[in-house]
């Protein structure tokens, strides 16, 4: 358990479109190894049959309690922070891939008290889709060899969960209170309203960019309130303008 009571119970593990029941079983096993208990499956491509049970070992109870969802959005709707995982850092077409190293993310876990965090893992073949990546507040990557950075699904789950648990054990680095999930949602909503007043070449990328910057920065309470005040004033002024403007992107 980390500072301010944060523990592994504050996390859920989400497997998006897993293809092999063996990997789902092994993911359940490593979850039990590191004291995580909330497993969520998004449109699994495999039936959780004998192989899943076999490879889950003593985590078969956890495996059988896994919840199923039709979309990633449904699976993480109760979470204040959605963290996607990726081994591909340079592919950047339909969305923004701005992943932070796993070690850096875990070092700041003590400053994310009060947030329920979803740890999202993609398919064995293609990982997370562009739509799913855009739906994540933050992307992290495991610092593997750049010549072969993509890990097997169950191995990636094991590395991430071990690192997260170790990060929780290090606790808070500062005593500063951070913005709440509701305040972060308010900031994001206000930014999106402001962005909607302009003819942007790619408004979706702008929304994702702001969400990622906000998630990485994890502002303090005072910083968040200052931003909220500025955004409110900006929206009041924009409310009196009917003409849209074009950006220079």
C-alpha atoms as a PDB file:
ATOM      1  CA  UNK A   1       0.000   0.000   0.000  1.00  0.00           C
ATOM      2  CA  UNK A   2       1.290   3.458  -0.919  1.00  0.00           C
ATOM      3  CA  UNK A   3       0.799   6.900   0.519  1.00  0.00           C
ATOM      4  CA  UNK A   4      -2.698   8.092   1.450  1.00  0.00           C
ATOM      5  CA  UNK A   5      -3.995   4.500   1.275  1.00  0.00           C
ATOM      6  CA  UNK A   6      -3.395   3.989  -2.464  1.00  0.00           C
ATOM      7  CA  UNK A   7      -2.979   0.307  -3.247  1.00  0.00           C
ATOM      8  CA  UNK A   8      -3.273  -2.275  -5.999  1.00  0.00           C
ATOM      9  CA  UNK A   9      -7.033  -2.283  -5.313  1.00  0.00           C
ATOM     10  CA  UNK A  10      -7.163   1.152  -6.973  1.00  0.00           C
ATOM     11  CA  UNK A  11      -6.232  -0.387 -10.344  1.00  0.00           C
ATOM     12  CA  UNK A  12      -7.950  -2.519 -12.933  1.00  0.00           C
ATOM     13  CA  UNK A  13      -6.237  -4.499 -15.670  1.00  0.00           C
ATOM     14  CA  UNK A  14      -7.944  -4.265 -19.058  1.00  0.00           C
ATOM     15  CA  UNK A  15      -7.131  -6.660 -21.899  1.00  0.00           C
ATOM     16  CA  UNK A  16      -8.451  -5.295 -25.199  1.00  0.00           C
ATOM     17  CA  UNK A  17      -9.288  -7.994 -27.729  1.00  0.00           C
ATOM     18  CA  UNK A  18      -7.005 -10.759 -26.380  1.00  0.00           C
ATOM     19  CA  UNK A  19      -6.542 -13.501 -28.960  1.00  0.00           C
ATOM     20  CA  UNK A  20      -5.145 -16.464 -26.999  1.00  0.00           C
ATOM     21  CA  UNK A  21      -6.740 -17.892 -23.871  1.00  0.00           C
ATOM     22  CA  UNK A  22      -3.309 -19.029 -22.661  1.00  0.00           C
ATOM     23  CA  UNK A  23      -2.229 -15.383 -22.383  1.00  0.00           C
ATOM     24  CA  UNK A  24      -5.418 -14.407 -20.552  1.00  0.00           C
ATOM     25  CA  UNK A  25      -4.817 -17.219 -18.060  1.00  0.00           C
ATOM     26  CA  UNK A  26      -1.196 -16.183 -17.514  1.00  0.00           C
ATOM     27  CA  UNK A  27      -2.229 -12.528 -17.140  1.00  0.00           C
ATOM     28  CA  UNK A  28      -4.639 -13.572 -14.377  1.00  0.00           C
ATOM     29  CA  UNK A  29      -1.843 -15.518 -12.720  1.00  0.00           C
ATOM     30  CA  UNK A  30       0.591 -12.585 -12.621  1.00  0.00           C
ATOM     31  CA  UNK A  31      -2.201 -10.331 -11.371  1.00  0.00           C
ATOM     32  CA  UNK A  32      -2.567 -12.628  -8.364  1.00  0.00           C
ATOM     33  CA  UNK A  33       1.243 -12.718  -8.002  1.00  0.00           C
ATOM     34  CA  UNK A  34       1.276  -8.939  -7.482  1.00  0.00           C
ATOM     35  CA  UNK A  35      -2.043  -8.535  -5.595  1.00  0.00           C
ATOM     36  CA  UNK A  36      -4.207  -7.112  -8.410  1.00  0.00           C
ATOM     37  CA  UNK A  37      -7.730  -8.490  -8.589  1.00  0.00           C
ATOM     38  CA  UNK A  38      -9.850  -6.529 -11.104  1.00  0.00           C
ATOM     39  CA  UNK A  39      -9.564  -8.082 -14.570  1.00  0.00           C
ATOM     40  CA  UNK A  40     -11.623  -6.666 -17.446  1.00  0.00           C
ATOM     41  CA  UNK A  41     -11.856  -8.087 -20.964  1.00  0.00           C
ATOM     42  CA  UNK A  42     -12.916  -6.067 -24.012  1.00  0.00           C
ATOM     43  CA  UNK A  43     -14.353  -8.220 -26.821  1.00  0.00           C
ATOM     44  CA  UNK A  44     -11.998 -11.180 -26.266  1.00  0.00           C
ATOM     45  CA  UNK A  45     -11.328 -13.212 -29.408  1.00  0.00           C
ATOM     46  CA  UNK A  46     -10.830 -16.410 -27.439  1.00  0.00           C
ATOM     47  CA  UNK A  47     -13.026 -18.506 -25.187  1.00  0.00           C
ATOM     48  CA  UNK A  48     -11.771 -18.826 -21.632  1.00  0.00           C
ATOM     49  CA  UNK A  49     -11.635 -22.602 -21.784  1.00  0.00           C
ATOM     50  CA  UNK A  50      -9.345 -25.274 -20.315  1.00  0.00           C
ATOM     51  CA  UNK A  51      -6.111 -23.596 -21.466  1.00  0.00           C
ATOM     52  CA  UNK A  52      -7.014 -20.317 -19.756  1.00  0.00           C
ATOM     53  CA  UNK A  53      -7.808 -22.191 -16.540  1.00  0.00           C
ATOM     54  CA  UNK A  54      -4.645 -24.283 -16.847  1.00  0.00           C
ATOM     55  CA  UNK A  55      -2.321 -21.301 -17.221  1.00  0.00           C
ATOM     56  CA  UNK A  56      -4.050 -19.209 -14.560  1.00  0.00           C
ATOM     57  CA  UNK A  57      -2.986 -21.792 -11.940  1.00  0.00           C
ATOM     58  CA  UNK A  58      -4.169 -20.578  -8.505  1.00  0.00           C
ATOM     59  CA  UNK A  59      -5.756 -17.457 -10.023  1.00  0.00           C
ATOM     60  CA  UNK A  60      -8.646 -19.360 -11.583  1.00  0.00           C
ATOM     61  CA  UNK A  61     -11.069 -17.576  -9.235  1.00  0.00           C
ATOM     62  CA  UNK A  62      -9.839 -14.198 -10.452  1.00  0.00           C
ATOM     63  CA  UNK A  63     -10.124 -15.388 -14.055  1.00  0.00           C
ATOM     64  CA  UNK A  64     -13.724 -16.534 -13.621  1.00  0.00           C
ATOM     65  CA  UNK A  65     -14.699 -13.180 -12.086  1.00  0.00           C
ATOM     66  CA  UNK A  66     -13.305 -11.227 -15.053  1.00  0.00           C
ATOM     67  CA  UNK A  67     -15.849  -8.723 -16.398  1.00  0.00           C
ATOM     68  CA  UNK A  68     -16.555  -8.449 -20.141  1.00  0.00           C
ATOM     69  CA  UNK A  69     -17.274  -5.298 -22.129  1.00  0.00           C
ATOM     70  CA  UNK A  70     -18.092  -4.394 -25.692  1.00  0.00           C
ATOM     71  CA  UNK A  71     -15.812  -1.345 -25.892  1.00  0.00           C
ATOM     72  CA  UNK A  72     -12.838   0.112 -24.056  1.00  0.00           C
ATOM     73  CA  UNK A  73     -14.906   3.189 -23.185  1.00  0.00           C
ATOM     74  CA  UNK A  74     -17.422   1.004 -21.329  1.00  0.00           C
ATOM     75  CA  UNK A  75     -14.665  -0.908 -19.547  1.00  0.00           C
ATOM     76  CA  UNK A  76     -13.003   2.189 -18.070  1.00  0.00           C
ATOM     77  CA  UNK A  77     -15.956   4.509 -17.426  1.00  0.00           C
ATOM     78  CA  UNK A  78     -15.413   4.337 -13.640  1.00  0.00           C
ATOM     79  CA  UNK A  79     -11.697   5.180 -13.908  1.00  0.00           C
ATOM     80  CA  UNK A  80     -10.149   8.608 -13.388  1.00  0.00           C
ATOM     81  CA  UNK A  81      -7.041   7.801 -15.443  1.00  0.00           C
ATOM     82  CA  UNK A  82      -6.747   5.454 -18.411  1.00  0.00           C
ATOM     83  CA  UNK A  83      -3.188   4.305 -19.100  1.00  0.00           C
ATOM     84  CA  UNK A  84      -2.510   2.472 -22.343  1.00  0.00           C
ATOM     85  CA  UNK A  85       0.598   0.412 -23.012  1.00  0.00           C
ATOM     86  CA  UNK A  86       2.540   0.277 -26.264  1.00  0.00           C
ATOM     87  CA  UNK A  87       5.782  -1.080 -27.604  1.00  0.00           C
ATOM     88  CA  UNK A  88       5.538   0.948 -30.838  1.00  0.00           C
ATOM     89  CA  UNK A  89       6.757   4.508 -30.373  1.00  0.00           C
ATOM     90  CA  UNK A  90       7.243   5.901 -33.881  1.00  0.00           C
ATOM     91  CA  UNK A  91       4.036   4.949 -35.692  1.00  0.00           C
ATOM     92  CA  UNK A  92       2.068   8.191 -35.712  1.00  0.00           C
ATOM     93  CA  UNK A  93      -0.690   8.435 -38.334  1.00  0.00           C
ATOM     94  CA  UNK A  94      -4.229   8.693 -37.026  1.00  0.00           C
ATOM     95  CA  UNK A  95      -3.437   9.517 -33.416  1.00  0.00           C
ATOM     96  CA  UNK A  96      -0.737  10.784 -31.084  1.00  0.00           C
ATOM     97  CA  UNK A  97       1.759   8.321 -29.630  1.00  0.00           C
ATOM     98  CA  UNK A  98       3.538  10.193 -26.863  1.00  0.00           C
ATOM     99  CA  UNK A  99       4.454   7.381 -24.500  1.00  0.00           C
ATOM    100  CA  UNK A 100       6.376   7.924 -21.273  1.00  0.00           C
ATOM    101  CA  UNK A 101       8.757   5.309 -19.869  1.00  0.00           C
ATOM    102  CA  UNK A 102       7.114   2.909 -17.424  1.00  0.00           C
ATOM    103  CA  UNK A 103       9.701   3.744 -14.756  1.00  0.00           C
ATOM    104  CA  UNK A 104       8.850   7.451 -14.940  1.00  0.00           C
ATOM    105  CA  UNK A 105       5.124   6.775 -14.705  1.00  0.00           C
ATOM    106  CA  UNK A 106       5.532   4.503 -11.693  1.00  0.00           C
ATOM    107  CA  UNK A 107       7.795   6.994  -9.916  1.00  0.00           C
ATOM    108  CA  UNK A 108       4.885   9.450  -9.762  1.00  0.00           C
ATOM    109  CA  UNK A 109       2.166   7.037  -8.634  1.00  0.00           C
ATOM    110  CA  UNK A 110       2.229   8.384  -5.100  1.00  0.00           C
ATOM    111  CA  UNK A 111       0.996  11.716  -6.446  1.00  0.00           C
ATOM    112  CA  UNK A 112      -2.109  10.174  -8.030  1.00  0.00           C
ATOM    113  CA  UNK A 113      -4.061   9.455  -4.847  1.00  0.00           C
ATOM    114  CA  UNK A 114      -7.818   9.456  -5.310  1.00  0.00           C
ATOM    115  CA  UNK A 115      -7.693   8.215  -8.906  1.00  0.00           C
ATOM    116  CA  UNK A 116      -8.863   4.795 -10.022  1.00  0.00           C
ATOM    117  CA  UNK A 117      -6.436   3.803 -12.746  1.00  0.00           C
ATOM    118  CA  UNK A 118      -7.027   1.470 -15.684  1.00  0.00           C
ATOM    119  CA  UNK A 119      -3.964  -0.304 -17.091  1.00  0.00           C
ATOM    120  CA  UNK A 120      -4.834  -1.195 -20.688  1.00  0.00           C
ATOM    121  CA  UNK A 121      -3.066  -3.842 -22.777  1.00  0.00           C
ATOM    122  CA  UNK A 122      -3.684  -4.441 -26.478  1.00  0.00           C
ATOM    123  CA  UNK A 123      -3.974  -7.454 -28.728  1.00  0.00           C
ATOM    124  CA  UNK A 124      -1.134  -9.887 -29.273  1.00  0.00           C
ATOM    125  CA  UNK A 125      -1.075  -9.140 -32.994  1.00  0.00           C
ATOM    126  CA  UNK A 126      -1.644  -5.396 -33.426  1.00  0.00           C
ATOM    127  CA  UNK A 127      -1.816  -3.994 -29.907  1.00  0.00           C
ATOM    128  CA  UNK A 128      -4.310  -1.195 -29.264  1.00  0.00           C
ATOM    129  CA  UNK A 129      -6.248   0.297 -32.159  1.00  0.00           C
ATOM    130  CA  UNK A 130      -5.859   3.986 -33.020  1.00  0.00           C
ATOM    131  CA  UNK A 131      -9.296   4.681 -31.543  1.00  0.00           C
ATOM    132  CA  UNK A 132      -8.335   2.940 -28.287  1.00  0.00           C
ATOM    133  CA  UNK A 133      -5.024   4.805 -28.128  1.00  0.00           C
ATOM    134  CA  UNK A 134      -6.864   8.103 -28.548  1.00  0.00           C
ATOM    135  CA  UNK A 135      -9.140   7.079 -25.677  1.00  0.00           C
ATOM    136  CA  UNK A 136      -6.204   6.716 -23.274  1.00  0.00           C
ATOM    137  CA  UNK A 137      -5.202   9.642 -21.074  1.00  0.00           C
ATOM    138  CA  UNK A 138      -1.612   8.462 -21.039  1.00  0.00           C
ATOM    139  CA  UNK A 139       0.582   5.955 -22.859  1.00  0.00           C
ATOM    140  CA  UNK A 140       3.491   4.134 -21.249  1.00  0.00           C
ATOM    141  CA  UNK A 141       6.139   1.872 -22.714  1.00  0.00           C
ATOM    142  CA  UNK A 142       8.406  -0.717 -21.164  1.00  0.00           C
ATOM    143  CA  UNK A 143      12.061   0.207 -21.603  1.00  0.00           C
ATOM    144  CA  UNK A 144      12.959  -2.886 -23.651  1.00  0.00           C
ATOM    145  CA  UNK A 145      15.712  -3.147 -26.264  1.00  0.00           C
ATOM    146  CA  UNK A 146      14.797  -0.820 -29.145  1.00  0.00           C
ATOM    147  CA  UNK A 147      15.693  -3.564 -31.631  1.00  0.00           C
ATOM    148  CA  UNK A 148      12.872  -5.741 -30.265  1.00  0.00           C
ATOM    149  CA  UNK A 149      10.619  -3.669 -27.979  1.00  0.00           C
ATOM    150  CA  UNK A 150       7.345  -5.618 -28.236  1.00  0.00           C
ATOM    151  CA  UNK A 151       6.713  -8.099 -25.419  1.00  0.00           C
ATOM    152  CA  UNK A 152       4.338 -11.029 -25.236  1.00  0.00           C
ATOM    153  CA  UNK A 153       1.033  -9.898 -23.679  1.00  0.00           C
ATOM    154  CA  UNK A 154       1.364 -11.823 -20.416  1.00  0.00           C
ATOM    155  CA  UNK A 155       5.028 -10.798 -20.053  1.00  0.00           C
ATOM    156  CA  UNK A 156       4.085  -7.137 -20.518  1.00  0.00           C
ATOM    157  CA  UNK A 157       1.366  -7.461 -17.870  1.00  0.00           C
ATOM    158  CA  UNK A 158       3.881  -8.982 -15.456  1.00  0.00           C
ATOM    159  CA  UNK A 159       6.481  -6.241 -15.970  1.00  0.00           C
ATOM    160  CA  UNK A 160       3.940  -3.418 -15.661  1.00  0.00           C
ATOM    161  CA  UNK A 161       2.243  -4.810 -12.549  1.00  0.00           C
ATOM    162  CA  UNK A 162       5.573  -5.447 -10.809  1.00  0.00           C
ATOM    163  CA  UNK A 163       6.688  -1.888 -11.567  1.00  0.00           C
ATOM    164  CA  UNK A 164       3.384  -0.374 -10.445  1.00  0.00           C
ATOM    165  CA  UNK A 165       3.452  -2.251  -7.152  1.00  0.00           C
ATOM    166  CA  UNK A 166       7.038  -1.144  -6.542  1.00  0.00           C
ATOM    167  CA  UNK A 167       6.052   2.444  -7.362  1.00  0.00           C
ATOM    168  CA  UNK A 168       3.220   2.331  -4.831  1.00  0.00           C
ATOM    169  CA  UNK A 169       5.675   1.170  -2.196  1.00  0.00           C
ATOM    170  CA  UNK A 170       7.796   4.278  -2.697  1.00  0.00           C
ATOM    171  CA  UNK A 171       4.857   6.485  -1.683  1.00  0.00           C
ATOM    172  CA  UNK A 172       4.433  10.239  -1.989  1.00  0.00           C
ATOM    173  CA  UNK A 173       7.340  12.442  -3.015  1.00  0.00           C
ATOM    174  CA  UNK A 174       5.652  15.699  -2.098  1.00  0.00           C
ATOM    175  CA  UNK A 175       2.825  16.789   0.157  1.00  0.00           C
ATOM    176  CA  UNK A 176       1.056  18.776  -2.564  1.00  0.00           C
ATOM    177  CA  UNK A 177      -2.530  17.813  -3.275  1.00  0.00           C
ATOM    178  CA  UNK A 178      -3.277  17.058  -6.925  1.00  0.00           C
ATOM    179  CA  UNK A 179      -6.354  17.896  -8.968  1.00  0.00           C
ATOM    180  CA  UNK A 180      -9.225  15.457  -8.672  1.00  0.00           C
ATOM    181  CA  UNK A 181     -10.547  13.372 -11.578  1.00  0.00           C
ATOM    182  CA  UNK A 182     -13.632  15.618 -11.754  1.00  0.00           C
ATOM    183  CA  UNK A 183     -11.436  18.739 -12.001  1.00  0.00           C
ATOM    184  CA  UNK A 184      -9.354  17.114 -14.738  1.00  0.00           C
ATOM    185  CA  UNK A 185     -12.546  16.250 -16.627  1.00  0.00           C
ATOM    186  CA  UNK A 186     -13.718  19.858 -16.208  1.00  0.00           C
ATOM    187  CA  UNK A 187     -10.460  21.191 -17.634  1.00  0.00           C
ATOM    188  CA  UNK A 188     -10.670  18.796 -20.570  1.00  0.00           C
ATOM    189  CA  UNK A 189     -14.313  19.699 -21.218  1.00  0.00           C
ATOM    190  CA  UNK A 190     -13.540  23.427 -21.171  1.00  0.00           C
ATOM    191  CA  UNK A 191     -10.555  23.002 -23.497  1.00  0.00           C
ATOM    192  CA  UNK A 192     -12.700  21.022 -25.928  1.00  0.00           C
ATOM    193  CA  UNK A 193     -15.363  23.754 -25.878  1.00  0.00           C
ATOM    194  CA  UNK A 194     -12.729  26.378 -26.651  1.00  0.00           C
ATOM    195  CA  UNK A 195     -11.210  24.261 -29.421  1.00  0.00           C
ATOM    196  CA  UNK A 196     -14.664  23.781 -30.955  1.00  0.00           C
ATOM    197  CA  UNK A 197     -14.824  27.540 -31.611  1.00  0.00           C
ATOM    198  CA  UNK A 198     -12.091  27.255 -34.241  1.00  0.00           C
ATOM    199  CA  UNK A 199     -11.770  25.494 -37.583  1.00  0.00           C
ATOM    200  CA  UNK A 200      -8.960  23.115 -36.696  1.00  0.00           C
ATOM    201  CA  UNK A 201      -7.415  20.869 -39.284  1.00  0.00           C
ATOM    202  CA  UNK A 202      -7.548  17.897 -36.898  1.00  0.00           C
ATOM    203  CA  UNK A 203      -9.629  18.678 -33.780  1.00  0.00           C
ATOM    204  CA  UNK A 204      -9.379  15.088 -32.550  1.00  0.00           C
ATOM    205  CA  UNK A 205      -5.594  15.262 -32.331  1.00  0.00           C
ATOM    206  CA  UNK A 206      -5.852  18.566 -30.436  1.00  0.00           C
ATOM    207  CA  UNK A 207      -8.170  16.993 -27.878  1.00  0.00           C
ATOM    208  CA  UNK A 208      -5.893  13.997 -27.438  1.00  0.00           C
ATOM    209  CA  UNK A 209      -2.823  16.249 -27.148  1.00  0.00           C
ATOM    210  CA  UNK A 210      -4.378  18.296 -24.338  1.00  0.00           C
ATOM    211  CA  UNK A 211      -5.525  15.183 -22.466  1.00  0.00           C
ATOM    212  CA  UNK A 212      -2.024  13.675 -22.687  1.00  0.00           C
ATOM    213  CA  UNK A 213      -0.283  16.869 -21.541  1.00  0.00           C
ATOM    214  CA  UNK A 214      -2.674  17.176 -18.600  1.00  0.00           C
ATOM    215  CA  UNK A 215      -2.209  13.536 -17.597  1.00  0.00           C
ATOM    216  CA  UNK A 216       1.593  13.759 -17.762  1.00  0.00           C
ATOM    217  CA  UNK A 217       1.711  17.047 -15.848  1.00  0.00           C
ATOM    218  CA  UNK A 218      -0.678  15.851 -13.108  1.00  0.00           C
ATOM    219  CA  UNK A 219      -1.135  19.455 -11.843  1.00  0.00           C
ATOM    220  CA  UNK A 220      -1.416  20.401  -8.198  1.00  0.00           C
ATOM    221  CA  UNK A 221      -4.711  21.639  -6.812  1.00  0.00           C
ATOM    222  CA  UNK A 222      -3.569  25.278  -6.997  1.00  0.00           C
ATOM    223  CA  UNK A 223      -2.314  24.883 -10.570  1.00  0.00           C
ATOM    224  CA  UNK A 224      -5.560  23.223 -11.626  1.00  0.00           C
ATOM    225  CA  UNK A 225      -7.687  25.970 -10.092  1.00  0.00           C
ATOM    226  CA  UNK A 226      -5.591  28.630 -11.822  1.00  0.00           C
ATOM    227  CA  UNK A 227      -6.121  26.908 -15.182  1.00  0.00           C
ATOM    228  CA  UNK A 228      -9.842  26.532 -14.542  1.00  0.00           C
ATOM    229  CA  UNK A 229     -10.156  30.253 -13.830  1.00  0.00           C
ATOM    230  CA  UNK A 230      -8.346  31.187 -17.045  1.00  0.00           C
ATOM    231  CA  UNK A 231     -10.433  28.746 -19.086  1.00  0.00           C
ATOM    232  CA  UNK A 232     -13.666  30.141 -17.629  1.00  0.00           C
ATOM    233  CA  UNK A 233     -12.689  33.682 -18.555  1.00  0.00           C
ATOM    234  CA  UNK A 234     -11.633  32.595 -22.044  1.00  0.00           C
ATOM    235  CA  UNK A 235     -14.947  30.793 -22.595  1.00  0.00           C
ATOM    236  CA  UNK A 236     -16.889  33.847 -21.434  1.00  0.00           C
ATOM    237  CA  UNK A 237     -15.088  35.959 -24.035  1.00  0.00           C
ATOM    238  CA  UNK A 238     -15.448  33.342 -26.766  1.00  0.00           C
ATOM    239  CA  UNK A 239     -19.135  33.086 -26.002  1.00  0.00           C
ATOM    240  CA  UNK A 240     -19.603  36.571 -27.420  1.00  0.00           C
ATOM    241  CA  UNK A 241     -17.944  35.702 -30.725  1.00  0.00           C
ATOM    242  CA  UNK A 242     -19.795  33.955 -33.529  1.00  0.00           C
ATOM    243  CA  UNK A 243     -17.018  33.988 -36.134  1.00  0.00           C
ATOM    244  CA  UNK A 244     -14.797  30.905 -36.246  1.00  0.00           C
ATOM    245  CA  UNK A 245     -11.109  31.335 -36.830  1.00  0.00           C
ATOM    246  CA  UNK A 246      -8.643  29.168 -38.685  1.00  0.00           C
ATOM    247  CA  UNK A 247      -5.498  27.880 -37.027  1.00  0.00           C
ATOM    248  CA  UNK A 248      -2.084  27.860 -38.681  1.00  0.00           C
ATOM    249  CA  UNK A 249      -1.442  24.126 -38.427  1.00  0.00           C
END
